[in-house]
Amino acid sequence: MTQTTTTVKVQLVRSPIGCKESHRATVRGLGLRKLNSTSELQDTPAVRGMINKISYLVKVL
């Protein structure tokens, strides 16, 4: 049986400058660097929690 892994695409739409250091670290942990950069990640509870933490900075595509 094959397992299909679902992915989630995240785009950085606001700058993390002036945010908490932990939020900046979360942005880097998701693989986002510059504005409008996108990252495709596996849809896991850990990744969903990271996205939820910085929901005001990113857009889920």
C-alpha atoms as a PDB file:
ATOM      1  CA  MET A   1       0.000   0.000   0.000  1.00  0.00           C
ATOM      2  CA  THR A   2       1.284   3.441  -0.862  1.00  0.00           C
ATOM      3  CA  GLN A   3       1.060   6.290   1.548  1.00  0.00           C
ATOM      4  CA  THR A   4       0.245   9.654   0.052  1.00  0.00           C
ATOM      5  CA  THR A   5       1.765  12.477   2.026  1.00  0.00           C
ATOM      6  CA  THR A   6      -0.151  15.699   1.886  1.00  0.00           C
ATOM      7  CA  THR A   7       1.755  18.930   1.683  1.00  0.00           C
ATOM      8  CA  VAL A   8       1.000  22.507   2.608  1.00  0.00           C
ATOM      9  CA  LYS A   9       2.438  25.523   0.797  1.00  0.00           C
ATOM     10  CA  VAL A  10       3.270  28.583   2.906  1.00  0.00           C
ATOM     11  CA  GLN A  11       4.174  32.084   1.714  1.00  0.00           C
ATOM     12  CA  LEU A  12       5.749  34.845   3.815  1.00  0.00           C
ATOM     13  CA  VAL A  13       3.641  37.978   3.276  1.00  0.00           C
ATOM     14  CA  ARG A  14       4.764  40.236   6.170  1.00  0.00           C
ATOM     15  CA  SER A  15       8.216  41.009   7.446  1.00  0.00           C
ATOM     16  CA  PRO A  16       9.259  39.423  10.767  1.00  0.00           C
ATOM     17  CA  ILE A  17      11.241  42.579  11.643  1.00  0.00           C
ATOM     18  CA  GLY A  18      10.010  43.859  14.988  1.00  0.00           C
ATOM     19  CA  CYS A  19       8.435  40.542  15.951  1.00  0.00           C
ATOM     20  CA  LYS A  20       9.413  38.327  18.844  1.00  0.00           C
ATOM     21  CA  GLU A  21      12.641  36.391  18.413  1.00  0.00           C
ATOM     22  CA  SER A  22      10.773  33.089  18.725  1.00  0.00           C
ATOM     23  CA  HIS A  23       8.476  34.100  15.866  1.00  0.00           C
ATOM     24  CA  ARG A  24      11.477  34.979  13.691  1.00  0.00           C
ATOM     25  CA  ALA A  25      12.982  31.594  14.498  1.00  0.00           C
ATOM     26  CA  THR A  26       9.707  29.911  13.518  1.00  0.00           C
ATOM     27  CA  VAL A  27       9.755  31.694  10.150  1.00  0.00           C
ATOM     28  CA  ARG A  28      13.282  30.405   9.546  1.00  0.00           C
ATOM     29  CA  GLY A  29      12.254  26.942  10.732  1.00  0.00           C
ATOM     30  CA  LEU A  30       9.585  26.843   8.046  1.00  0.00           C
ATOM     31  CA  GLY A  31      12.258  27.587   5.449  1.00  0.00           C
ATOM     32  CA  LEU A  32      11.118  31.117   4.659  1.00  0.00           C
ATOM     33  CA  ARG A  33      13.720  33.809   4.037  1.00  0.00           C
ATOM     34  CA  LYS A  34      12.553  36.830   2.055  1.00  0.00           C
ATOM     35  CA  LEU A  35       9.125  38.346   1.544  1.00  0.00           C
ATOM     36  CA  ASN A  36       6.920  36.388  -0.862  1.00  0.00           C
ATOM     37  CA  SER A  37       9.165  33.327  -0.567  1.00  0.00           C
ATOM     38  CA  THR A  38       7.258  30.058  -0.504  1.00  0.00           C
ATOM     39  CA  SER A  39       7.961  26.724   1.083  1.00  0.00           C
ATOM     40  CA  GLU A  40       6.225  23.393   0.554  1.00  0.00           C
ATOM     41  CA  LEU A  41       6.159  21.300   3.715  1.00  0.00           C
ATOM     42  CA  GLN A  42       4.605  18.054   4.876  1.00  0.00           C
ATOM     43  CA  ASP A  43       1.268  18.555   6.570  1.00  0.00           C
ATOM     44  CA  THR A  44       2.023  17.444  10.131  1.00  0.00           C
ATOM     45  CA  PRO A  45       0.667  18.686  13.468  1.00  0.00           C
ATOM     46  CA  ALA A  46       4.056  20.256  14.249  1.00  0.00           C
ATOM     47  CA  VAL A  47       4.072  22.260  11.021  1.00  0.00           C
ATOM     48  CA  ARG A  48       0.440  23.260  11.538  1.00  0.00           C
ATOM     49  CA  GLY A  49       1.339  24.544  15.004  1.00  0.00           C
ATOM     50  CA  MET A  50       4.225  26.587  13.596  1.00  0.00           C
ATOM     51  CA  ILE A  51       1.934  28.088  10.950  1.00  0.00           C
ATOM     52  CA  ASN A  52      -0.683  28.864  13.596  1.00  0.00           C
ATOM     53  CA  LYS A  53       1.928  30.609  15.747  1.00  0.00           C
ATOM     54  CA  ILE A  54       2.909  33.031  12.973  1.00  0.00           C
ATOM     55  CA  SER A  55      -0.409  33.159  11.123  1.00  0.00           C
ATOM     56  CA  TYR A  56      -0.252  36.956  10.942  1.00  0.00           C
ATOM     57  CA  LEU A  57       2.982  36.743   8.891  1.00  0.00           C
ATOM     58  CA  VAL A  58       2.188  33.967   6.415  1.00  0.00           C
ATOM     59  CA  LYS A  59      -0.436  32.917   3.907  1.00  0.00           C
ATOM     60  CA  VAL A  60      -1.296  29.265   3.296  1.00  0.00           C
ATOM     61  CA  LEU A  61      -1.636  28.486  -0.396  1.00  0.00           C
END
